[in-house]
Protein backbone atom coordinates (compact mmCIF):
# COMPACT_ATOMS: atom_id res chain seq x y z
CA MET A 1 -18.97 -2.34 25.31
CA GLN A 2 -19.52 -5.88 25.39
CA PRO A 3 -20.63 -5.73 21.55
CA THR A 4 -17.79 -4.03 20.50
CA MET A 5 -15.59 -6.56 22.23
CA LYS A 6 -17.37 -9.39 20.44
CA HIS A 7 -16.71 -7.62 16.96
CA TYR A 8 -13.29 -7.36 17.93
CA ASP A 9 -12.99 -10.97 18.65
CA LYS A 10 -14.67 -12.13 15.53
CA PHE A 11 -12.12 -9.99 13.80
CA LYS A 12 -9.40 -11.41 15.35
CA GLU A 13 -10.69 -15.12 14.26
CA TYR A 14 -11.22 -13.92 10.80
CA ILE A 15 -7.47 -12.71 10.40
CA TRP A 16 -6.13 -15.87 12.13
CA LEU A 17 -7.98 -18.04 9.59
CA VAL A 18 -7.07 -15.99 6.67
CA ASP A 19 -3.33 -16.21 7.80
CA THR A 20 -3.40 -19.96 8.59
CA ILE A 21 -5.11 -21.29 5.33
CA SER A 22 -2.62 -18.55 3.57
CA ARG A 23 -0.01 -20.19 4.97
CA SER A 24 -0.77 -23.78 3.99
CA ARG A 25 0.94 -24.79 0.71
CA HIS A 26 -1.69 -27.40 -0.19
CA GLY A 27 -4.76 -26.10 1.63
CA LEU A 28 -6.13 -27.35 4.95
CA THR A 29 -9.05 -29.70 6.02
CA LEU A 30 -11.77 -28.63 8.64
CA ALA A 31 -10.03 -31.20 10.91
CA GLU A 32 -6.40 -29.72 10.24
CA LEU A 33 -7.57 -26.37 11.02
CA ASN A 34 -8.92 -27.15 14.20
CA ASP A 35 -5.87 -28.80 15.14
CA GLU A 36 -4.36 -25.55 15.01
CA TRP A 37 -7.40 -23.53 16.14
CA VAL A 38 -7.41 -25.42 19.63
CA LYS A 39 -3.73 -24.33 20.16
CA THR A 40 -4.76 -20.36 19.96
CA GLU A 41 -6.05 -18.67 23.26
CA MET A 42 -9.05 -17.33 21.21
CA SER A 43 -10.37 -20.91 21.05
CA GLY A 44 -10.48 -21.73 24.63
CA GLY A 45 -9.50 -25.28 23.89
CA VAL A 46 -13.14 -25.57 21.95
CA PRO A 47 -12.85 -26.64 18.28
CA MET A 48 -14.53 -24.39 15.76
CA HIS A 49 -17.89 -25.84 14.68
CA ARG A 50 -18.62 -26.15 11.33
CA ASN A 51 -21.16 -23.62 11.21
CA THR A 52 -18.98 -21.06 12.64
CA PHE A 53 -16.62 -21.77 10.31
CA GLN A 54 -19.14 -21.08 7.29
CA ARG A 55 -19.99 -17.94 8.95
CA HIS A 56 -16.67 -16.57 9.35
CA LYS A 57 -16.30 -17.68 5.64
CA ASP A 58 -18.94 -15.44 4.38
CA ALA A 59 -18.12 -12.64 6.37
CA ILE A 60 -14.42 -12.64 5.33
CA GLU A 61 -15.72 -12.68 1.72
CA GLN A 62 -18.11 -9.96 2.59
CA MET A 63 -15.51 -7.77 4.29
CA PHE A 64 -12.00 -8.30 2.66
CA GLY A 65 -13.13 -9.92 -0.89
CA LEU A 66 -11.34 -12.70 -0.06
CA PHE A 67 -12.68 -16.22 -1.06
CA ILE A 68 -12.18 -19.17 1.10
CA GLU A 69 -12.52 -22.08 -1.59
CA CYS A 70 -13.12 -25.89 -0.93
CA ASP A 71 -11.48 -28.48 -3.07
CA THR A 72 -13.86 -31.44 -3.25
CA HIS A 73 -11.48 -33.40 -5.04
CA ASN A 74 -8.85 -33.24 -2.52
CA GLN A 75 -10.18 -34.30 0.93
CA CYS A 76 -12.38 -31.10 0.90
CA ARG A 77 -9.21 -28.78 1.93
CA TYR A 78 -9.51 -25.21 1.87
CA TYR A 79 -7.55 -22.70 0.24
CA ILE A 80 -7.84 -18.73 -0.65
CA GLY A 81 -9.24 -18.87 -4.11
CA ASN A 82 -7.76 -15.33 -5.04
CA GLU A 83 -4.63 -15.46 -3.20
CA HIS A 84 -2.95 -13.08 -5.55
CA VAL A 85 -4.78 -10.44 -3.67
CA LEU A 86 -2.77 -11.04 -0.58
CA HIS A 87 0.67 -10.56 -2.52
CA SER A 88 -0.41 -7.01 -4.17
CA ASP A 89 -1.08 -3.46 -3.13
CA SER A 90 -4.35 -4.17 -2.83
CA LEU A 91 -6.92 -2.40 -0.25
CA GLN A 92 -7.82 -6.11 0.94
CA ASN A 93 -4.20 -6.90 1.60
CA TRP A 94 -3.72 -3.35 3.27
CA LEU A 95 -6.47 -3.95 5.72
CA LEU A 96 -5.63 -7.42 6.68
CA GLN A 97 -1.71 -6.67 7.15
CA THR A 98 -2.80 -3.63 9.21
CA MET A 99 -5.26 -5.64 11.54
CA THR A 100 -2.93 -8.38 11.65
CA VAL A 101 -0.22 -5.84 13.23
CA SER A 102 -2.94 -4.08 15.20
CA ASN A 103 -4.03 -7.42 16.80
CA LEU A 104 -0.40 -8.23 17.53
CA ILE A 105 0.43 -4.81 19.26
CA SER A 106 -2.92 -4.78 21.24
CA GLU A 107 -2.04 -8.15 23.02
CA SER A 108 1.75 -6.70 23.45
CA LEU A 109 0.96 -3.52 25.37
CA ASN A 110 3.40 -4.55 28.20
CA MET A 111 5.97 -4.10 25.83
CA GLN A 112 5.12 -0.91 24.26
CA ASP A 113 8.48 0.32 24.91
CA ARG A 114 10.27 -1.94 23.04
CA ILE A 115 7.60 -1.71 20.22
CA LEU A 116 8.53 1.57 18.25
CA LEU A 117 6.30 2.72 15.21
CA GLU A 118 6.33 5.24 12.33
CA HIS A 119 4.01 8.04 12.30
CA VAL A 120 1.52 8.48 9.30
CA ALA A 121 0.62 11.91 8.59
CA THR A 122 -3.23 11.82 8.29
CA ASP A 123 -6.29 13.10 10.25
CA GLY A 124 -8.82 10.11 10.44
CA ARG A 125 -11.73 12.76 10.25
CA ARG A 126 -10.17 14.19 6.74
CA LEU A 127 -9.99 10.78 5.57
CA GLN A 128 -13.19 9.69 6.51
CA GLN A 129 -14.48 13.06 4.63
CA LEU A 130 -12.81 12.36 1.65
CA ILE A 131 -13.78 8.68 1.40
CA GLY A 132 -17.27 10.14 1.58
CA ALA A 133 -16.99 12.41 -1.11
CA MET A 134 -15.65 9.51 -3.53
CA ARG A 135 -18.47 7.30 -2.32
CA SER A 136 -20.93 10.10 -3.18
CA SER A 137 -19.38 11.08 -6.11
CA ARG A 138 -19.48 14.86 -5.19
CA LYS A 139 -16.64 17.45 -5.96
CA ILE A 140 -15.13 18.99 -3.11
CA ARG A 141 -13.60 22.60 -2.57
CA LEU A 142 -10.07 22.31 -1.17
CA GLN A 143 -7.91 25.03 0.40
CA TYR A 144 -4.30 23.59 -0.17
CA ARG A 145 -1.21 25.25 0.83
CA PRO A 146 1.72 23.44 -0.32
CA TYR A 147 5.35 23.69 0.99
CA GLN A 148 6.91 27.02 0.32
CA ALA A 149 3.80 28.85 -0.29
CA GLN A 150 2.81 32.08 1.28
CA ALA A 151 -1.04 31.31 1.25
CA ALA A 152 -3.52 28.84 0.69
CA LYS A 153 -5.10 28.48 -2.78
CA THR A 154 -8.69 27.09 -3.48
CA TYR A 155 -9.31 24.10 -5.89
CA THR A 156 -12.92 22.61 -7.03
CA ILE A 157 -11.93 19.05 -7.56
CA ALA A 158 -13.53 15.52 -8.24
CA PRO A 159 -11.92 13.01 -5.46
CA CYS A 160 -10.63 10.37 -7.88
CA CYS A 161 -8.66 7.83 -5.45
CA LEU A 162 -6.40 7.90 -2.35
CA LYS A 163 -2.87 6.55 -2.21
CA LEU A 164 -0.81 5.70 0.97
CA CYS A 165 2.91 6.44 -0.11
CA ARG A 166 5.46 6.39 2.41
CA GLN A 167 3.68 7.29 5.40
CA ARG A 168 1.78 10.06 3.85
CA TRP A 169 -1.86 9.90 2.44
CA TYR A 170 -2.38 11.65 -0.85
CA LEU A 171 -5.66 12.38 -3.05
CA LEU A 172 -5.78 12.11 -6.74
CA GLY A 173 -8.17 15.09 -8.06
CA GLY A 174 -9.50 15.25 -11.24
CA TYR A 175 -10.49 18.94 -13.26
CA ASP A 176 -13.36 19.19 -15.72
CA ASN A 177 -10.57 19.39 -18.26
CA GLY A 178 -9.48 16.00 -18.05
CA ARG A 179 -6.29 16.92 -15.94
CA TYR A 180 -5.17 15.35 -12.67
CA ALA A 181 -3.31 16.70 -9.83
CA VAL A 182 -2.10 15.05 -6.41
CA PHE A 183 -2.73 16.66 -3.18
CA ALA A 184 -1.14 15.64 0.28
CA LEU A 185 -3.62 15.45 2.82
CA ASP A 186 -1.52 17.10 5.66
CA ARG A 187 -1.04 19.97 3.44
CA MET A 188 -5.05 20.51 3.33
CA GLU A 189 -6.23 23.39 5.37
CA LYS A 190 -9.80 23.02 4.55
CA VAL A 191 -12.21 20.35 2.79
CA SER A 192 -15.86 21.20 1.95
CA LEU A 193 -18.49 18.94 0.09
CA THR A 194 -19.97 21.14 -2.89
CA ASP A 195 -23.44 20.33 -4.24
CA ASP A 196 -21.93 19.23 -7.65
CA HIS A 197 -21.43 15.52 -8.53
CA PHE A 198 -19.16 14.04 -10.90
CA THR A 199 -19.25 10.86 -12.85
CA LEU A 200 -15.98 8.91 -12.83
CA ASP A 201 -14.62 7.94 -16.20
CA PRO A 202 -15.52 4.23 -16.51
CA TRP A 203 -12.08 3.61 -18.11
CA PHE A 204 -10.32 5.28 -15.13
CA ASP A 205 -8.14 2.52 -12.90
CA ALA A 206 -6.53 4.13 -10.01
CA GLY A 207 -3.98 1.18 -10.04
CA ASP A 208 -3.18 1.63 -13.77
CA PHE A 209 -2.69 5.70 -13.35
CA PHE A 210 0.21 5.20 -11.27
CA SER A 211 1.48 1.98 -12.63
CA GLU A 212 4.46 3.87 -14.05
CA CYS A 213 5.34 5.77 -11.35
CA TYR A 214 7.92 5.46 -8.14
CA GLY A 215 5.39 7.37 -5.65
CA VAL A 216 3.04 9.88 -6.64
CA VAL A 217 4.59 12.16 -9.06
CA VAL A 218 2.95 12.21 -12.02
CA GLY A 219 2.53 15.42 -13.66
CA ASP A 220 5.89 16.24 -14.54
CA GLY A 221 6.06 15.28 -18.26
CA SER A 222 8.27 12.31 -18.06
CA GLN A 223 7.53 9.33 -19.84
CA ALA A 224 8.52 5.41 -18.89
CA GLU A 225 11.77 4.23 -19.63
CA ARG A 226 14.02 1.22 -19.24
CA ILE A 227 16.33 2.30 -16.21
CA VAL A 228 19.11 -0.01 -15.04
CA LEU A 229 20.72 0.23 -11.61
CA ARG A 230 23.56 -1.29 -10.20
CA ALA A 231 23.34 -2.16 -6.35
CA PHE A 232 26.31 -2.81 -4.34
CA GLY A 233 26.62 -4.34 -0.79
CA ARG A 234 23.49 -4.71 1.53
CA GLU A 235 21.65 -2.77 -1.15
CA GLN A 236 21.38 -5.41 -3.64
CA TYR A 237 19.89 -7.97 -0.95
CA ALA A 238 17.23 -4.93 0.09
CA LEU A 239 16.45 -4.69 -3.56
CA ARG A 240 15.59 -8.33 -3.96
CA ASP A 241 13.69 -8.45 -0.91
CA LEU A 242 11.76 -5.09 -1.72
CA PRO A 243 11.45 -4.03 -5.19
CA LEU A 244 11.51 -0.27 -6.34
CA HIS A 245 8.85 -0.95 -8.57
CA HIS A 246 6.48 -3.96 -9.87
CA THR A 247 8.74 -3.99 -13.18
CA GLN A 248 11.72 -4.58 -11.49
CA ARG A 249 14.04 -7.89 -12.54
CA LEU A 250 17.21 -9.21 -11.98
CA LEU A 251 19.53 -8.80 -14.88
CA ALA A 252 22.95 -10.17 -13.89
CA GLU A 253 25.05 -10.62 -10.77
CA GLY A 254 28.70 -9.95 -10.27
CA ASP A 255 31.45 -9.82 -7.92
CA GLY A 256 29.79 -7.70 -4.95
CA HIS A 257 27.23 -6.16 -7.12
CA THR A 258 23.74 -7.02 -8.54
CA ASP A 259 22.07 -5.40 -11.83
CA PHE A 260 18.21 -4.61 -11.68
CA GLU A 261 16.01 -3.52 -14.59
CA LEU A 262 13.11 -1.34 -14.13
CA THR A 263 10.45 0.61 -16.51
CA LEU A 264 9.00 3.68 -15.02
CA ARG A 265 9.13 7.29 -15.30
CA PRO A 266 12.44 8.70 -13.82
CA THR A 267 10.24 11.32 -11.61
CA SER A 268 11.78 13.79 -9.11
CA ASP A 269 10.61 11.25 -6.00
CA LEU A 270 12.62 8.14 -7.88
CA LYS A 271 15.41 10.41 -8.26
CA ALA A 272 15.66 11.41 -4.56
CA HIS A 273 15.37 7.95 -3.77
CA LEU A 274 18.27 7.13 -5.75
CA LEU A 275 20.31 9.97 -4.00
CA SER A 276 19.44 8.61 -0.65
CA ARG A 277 21.26 5.60 -1.50
CA GLY A 278 24.72 7.22 -1.94
CA ARG A 279 27.25 4.90 -3.35
CA TRP A 280 25.39 1.97 -3.20
CA LEU A 281 23.19 2.48 -6.00
CA LYS A 282 24.48 3.60 -9.36
CA VAL A 283 22.51 4.50 -12.48
CA LEU A 284 23.98 2.44 -15.59
CA SER A 285 21.00 3.63 -18.26
CA PRO A 286 19.81 5.79 -19.48
CA GLU A 287 23.05 8.02 -19.65
CA TRP A 288 21.19 11.22 -19.25
CA LEU A 289 19.89 9.87 -16.05
CA ALA A 290 23.24 9.02 -14.61
CA ASP A 291 24.81 12.43 -15.48
CA GLU A 292 21.64 13.90 -13.67
CA ILE A 293 21.99 11.73 -10.38
CA ARG A 294 26.08 12.55 -10.51
CA ARG A 295 25.52 16.29 -10.88
CA LEU A 296 22.82 16.11 -8.24
CA HIS A 297 25.65 14.34 -5.97
CA LEU A 298 27.97 16.83 -6.81
CA GLU A 299 25.68 19.73 -5.91
CA ALA A 300 24.78 18.35 -2.58
CA ALA A 301 28.43 17.63 -1.65
CA VAL A 302 29.33 21.50 -2.46
CA THR A 303 29.33 23.85 0.55
CA PRO A 304 26.75 26.75 -0.21
CA LEU A 305 28.37 30.17 0.16
């Protein structure tokens, strides 16, 4: 049990280092880092030795792919060399954010009735199995039953990438004919590894594959186009803080509303989100999308017979 606790404590120190350095605008010297370090309970009031800092620095690079660089021309201040990773949808950022929150919650178990979390629909063993298949480049045989299907169907696919989207995990699977399909992990009934290996296309980039999408819907035939939305009330501030897509930019501000421009595919999951915002989010263009959202709102308002 003791080695596990030591590893856990080191993880906390790694996260503290990354968080403290990334929050500094101009970097921190080792002395300035230690001024902050001795204020924490982890330190026990003892400064961090330079050798310990170097070991932590190397471990952070190896585990998270984050480079803590030293600016020798500015009092040997330390900074995150690839800080853009901390502001993207990267695996490193997700891991750090998850572990940071996990540490905070683990230290606050006496307040568990006041910290409410959302359920993520997944089986850790299933996730581990799929990551193992991706790592070994082995195809999988998948028994999958989508919603409203009477029985599961069997697919043999190459596991290309995993994507977490709105509290659900999804697998992007590739077929031999070059097509792709998305499968929700919680709808998988059985997964088994085959003896067939696959070679991932060297040009395949998971981020690029989904770059034009709002979520995980990719195979509906829609093409990316310019979409202009008008947000009212609190929705305009929520969109500024949490953009719908990485292409979103502010177009104009009016009396009680803000217009935003995005370039992405008008997929079914995007339409569902637009509908969910009700009168607080209006489609200005393209006109066909505005008409469709209007029609869907009217259908939802009509009481079924």
